[in-house]
C-alpha atoms as a PDB file:
ATOM      1  CA  UNK A   1     -84.574  10.951  72.956  1.00  0.00           C
ATOM      2  CA  UNK A   2     -85.085  12.381  69.468  1.00  0.00           C
ATOM      3  CA  UNK A   3     -84.025  10.401  66.424  1.00  0.00           C
ATOM      4  CA  UNK A   4     -81.738  12.410  64.136  1.00  0.00           C
ATOM      5  CA  UNK A   5     -82.350  12.769  60.414  1.00  0.00           C
ATOM      6  CA  UNK A   6     -79.643  11.714  57.954  1.00  0.00           C
ATOM      7  CA  UNK A   7     -78.631  15.356  57.453  1.00  0.00           C
ATOM      8  CA  UNK A   8     -78.415  15.976  61.191  1.00  0.00           C
ATOM      9  CA  UNK A   9     -76.367  12.790  61.681  1.00  0.00           C
ATOM     10  CA  UNK A  10     -73.885  13.877  59.037  1.00  0.00           C
ATOM     11  CA  UNK A  11     -73.608  17.360  60.494  1.00  0.00           C
ATOM     12  CA  UNK A  12     -72.900  15.890  63.923  1.00  0.00           C
ATOM     13  CA  UNK A  13     -70.253  13.582  62.442  1.00  0.00           C
ATOM     14  CA  UNK A  14     -68.592  16.411  60.509  1.00  0.00           C
ATOM     15  CA  UNK A  15     -70.287  15.768  57.164  1.00  0.00           C
ATOM     16  CA  UNK A  16     -70.853  19.405  56.317  1.00  0.00           C
ATOM     17  CA  UNK A  17     -67.903  19.288  53.882  1.00  0.00           C
ATOM     18  CA  UNK A  18     -69.674  16.505  51.995  1.00  0.00           C
ATOM     19  CA  UNK A  19     -71.956  19.122  50.457  1.00  0.00           C
ATOM     20  CA  UNK A  20     -68.910  20.470  48.617  1.00  0.00           C
ATOM     21  CA  UNK A  21     -66.903  17.330  47.881  1.00  0.00           C
ATOM     22  CA  UNK A  22     -69.752  14.961  46.927  1.00  0.00           C
ATOM     23  CA  UNK A  23     -70.750  16.804  43.711  1.00  0.00           C
ATOM     24  CA  UNK A  24     -67.108  17.167  42.698  1.00  0.00           C
ATOM     25  CA  UNK A  25     -66.586  13.417  43.080  1.00  0.00           C
ATOM     26  CA  UNK A  26     -69.800  12.704  41.199  1.00  0.00           C
ATOM     27  CA  UNK A  27     -68.749  14.820  38.208  1.00  0.00           C
ATOM     28  CA  UNK A  28     -65.316  13.199  38.124  1.00  0.00           C
ATOM     29  CA  UNK A  29     -66.835   9.719  38.340  1.00  0.00           C
ATOM     30  CA  UNK A  30     -69.336  10.522  35.588  1.00  0.00           C
ATOM     31  CA  UNK A  31     -66.519  11.711  33.316  1.00  0.00           C
ATOM     32  CA  UNK A  32     -64.408   8.609  33.924  1.00  0.00           C
ATOM     33  CA  UNK A  33     -67.406   6.306  33.480  1.00  0.00           C
ATOM     34  CA  UNK A  34     -68.268   8.005  30.186  1.00  0.00           C
ATOM     35  CA  UNK A  35     -64.766   7.268  28.881  1.00  0.00           C
ATOM     36  CA  UNK A  36     -65.137   3.605  29.863  1.00  0.00           C
ATOM     37  CA  UNK A  37     -68.556   3.451  28.148  1.00  0.00           C
ATOM     38  CA  UNK A  38     -67.050   4.922  24.970  1.00  0.00           C
ATOM     39  CA  UNK A  39     -64.280   2.308  24.992  1.00  0.00           C
ATOM     40  CA  UNK A  40     -66.785  -0.547  25.253  1.00  0.00           C
ATOM     41  CA  UNK A  41     -68.985   1.019  22.577  1.00  0.00           C
ATOM     42  CA  UNK A  42     -66.133   0.490  20.105  1.00  0.00           C
ATOM     43  CA  UNK A  43     -66.517  -3.260  20.745  1.00  0.00           C
ATOM     44  CA  UNK A  44     -70.299  -2.982  20.257  1.00  0.00           C
ATOM     45  CA  UNK A  45     -70.939  -3.589  23.963  1.00  0.00           C
ATOM     46  CA  UNK A  46     -73.462  -1.417  25.756  1.00  0.00           C
ATOM     47  CA  UNK A  47     -72.569  -0.429  29.331  1.00  0.00           C
ATOM     48  CA  UNK A  48     -73.610   2.177  31.875  1.00  0.00           C
ATOM     49  CA  UNK A  49     -70.348   2.843  33.682  1.00  0.00           C
ATOM     50  CA  UNK A  50     -71.070   6.577  33.661  1.00  0.00           C
ATOM     51  CA  UNK A  51     -73.775   5.977  36.285  1.00  0.00           C
ATOM     52  CA  UNK A  52     -71.545   3.576  38.207  1.00  0.00           C
ATOM     53  CA  UNK A  53     -68.814   6.196  38.191  1.00  0.00           C
ATOM     54  CA  UNK A  54     -71.221   8.907  39.276  1.00  0.00           C
ATOM     55  CA  UNK A  55     -72.388   6.873  42.270  1.00  0.00           C
ATOM     56  CA  UNK A  56     -68.920   5.704  43.239  1.00  0.00           C
ATOM     57  CA  UNK A  57     -67.410   9.161  42.732  1.00  0.00           C
ATOM     58  CA  UNK A  58     -70.132  10.756  44.835  1.00  0.00           C
ATOM     59  CA  UNK A  59     -69.464   8.208  47.574  1.00  0.00           C
ATOM     60  CA  UNK A  60     -65.734   8.849  47.512  1.00  0.00           C
ATOM     61  CA  UNK A  61     -66.354  12.599  47.482  1.00  0.00           C
ATOM     62  CA  UNK A  62     -68.622  12.202  50.493  1.00  0.00           C
ATOM     63  CA  UNK A  63     -65.933  10.183  52.277  1.00  0.00           C
ATOM     64  CA  UNK A  64     -63.425  12.958  51.635  1.00  0.00           C
ATOM     65  CA  UNK A  65     -65.998  15.407  52.991  1.00  0.00           C
ATOM     66  CA  UNK A  66     -66.445  13.285  56.118  1.00  0.00           C
ATOM     67  CA  UNK A  67     -70.096  12.395  55.356  1.00  0.00           C
ATOM     68  CA  UNK A  68     -70.104   8.698  56.341  1.00  0.00           C
ATOM     69  CA  UNK A  69     -73.721   7.855  55.569  1.00  0.00           C
ATOM     70  CA  UNK A  70     -73.651   9.354  52.079  1.00  0.00           C
ATOM     71  CA  UNK A  71     -70.218   7.804  51.511  1.00  0.00           C
ATOM     72  CA  UNK A  72     -71.368   4.298  52.408  1.00  0.00           C
ATOM     73  CA  UNK A  73     -74.485   4.642  50.290  1.00  0.00           C
ATOM     74  CA  UNK A  74     -72.688   6.021  47.231  1.00  0.00           C
ATOM     75  CA  UNK A  75     -69.795   3.580  47.347  1.00  0.00           C
ATOM     76  CA  UNK A  76     -72.146   0.651  47.918  1.00  0.00           C
ATOM     77  CA  UNK A  77     -74.416   1.586  45.019  1.00  0.00           C
ATOM     78  CA  UNK A  78     -71.407   2.229  42.784  1.00  0.00           C
ATOM     79  CA  UNK A  79     -69.885  -1.187  43.478  1.00  0.00           C
ATOM     80  CA  UNK A  80     -73.223  -2.949  42.891  1.00  0.00           C
ATOM     81  CA  UNK A  81     -73.585  -1.080  39.599  1.00  0.00           C
ATOM     82  CA  UNK A  82     -70.061  -2.048  38.505  1.00  0.00           C
ATOM     83  CA  UNK A  83     -70.801  -5.726  39.212  1.00  0.00           C
ATOM     84  CA  UNK A  84     -74.033  -5.477  37.182  1.00  0.00           C
ATOM     85  CA  UNK A  85     -72.058  -3.928  34.307  1.00  0.00           C
ATOM     86  CA  UNK A  86     -69.519  -6.755  34.466  1.00  0.00           C
ATOM     87  CA  UNK A  87     -72.281  -9.353  34.309  1.00  0.00           C
ATOM     88  CA  UNK A  88     -73.888  -7.526  31.384  1.00  0.00           C
ATOM     89  CA  UNK A  89     -70.549  -7.417  29.534  1.00  0.00           C
ATOM     90  CA  UNK A  90     -70.081 -11.165  30.014  1.00  0.00           C
ATOM     91  CA  UNK A  91     -73.586 -11.854  28.688  1.00  0.00           C
ATOM     92  CA  UNK A  92     -73.084  -9.588  25.678  1.00  0.00           C
ATOM     93  CA  UNK A  93     -69.719 -11.196  24.848  1.00  0.00           C
ATOM     94  CA  UNK A  94     -71.256 -14.658  25.111  1.00  0.00           C
ATOM     95  CA  UNK A  95     -74.063 -13.595  22.765  1.00  0.00           C
ATOM     96  CA  UNK A  96     -71.556 -12.169  20.271  1.00  0.00           C
ATOM     97  CA  UNK A  97     -69.515 -15.388  20.298  1.00  0.00           C
ATOM     98  CA  UNK A  98     -72.464 -17.691  19.669  1.00  0.00           C
END
């Protein structure tokens, strides 16, 4: 039995629409993340929510496009990135207060 590639697995599971919806979600996530970054910049806190948003948005777009592997990967990476941003914000606030 032949092992399927990621692309073949997604095509079998209906993920062909993910090629359309994933980039749309990524662009939307990048835009939202950029707004969040700008808001934190006002408080002199450096974040990278634009990349978190890009990953999360791409994952959500892939989910809408029925591409489960790309969706799980994008959403997972986006959530991990958001948690890292939160930890970075806490560290920066602690440094500002000391």
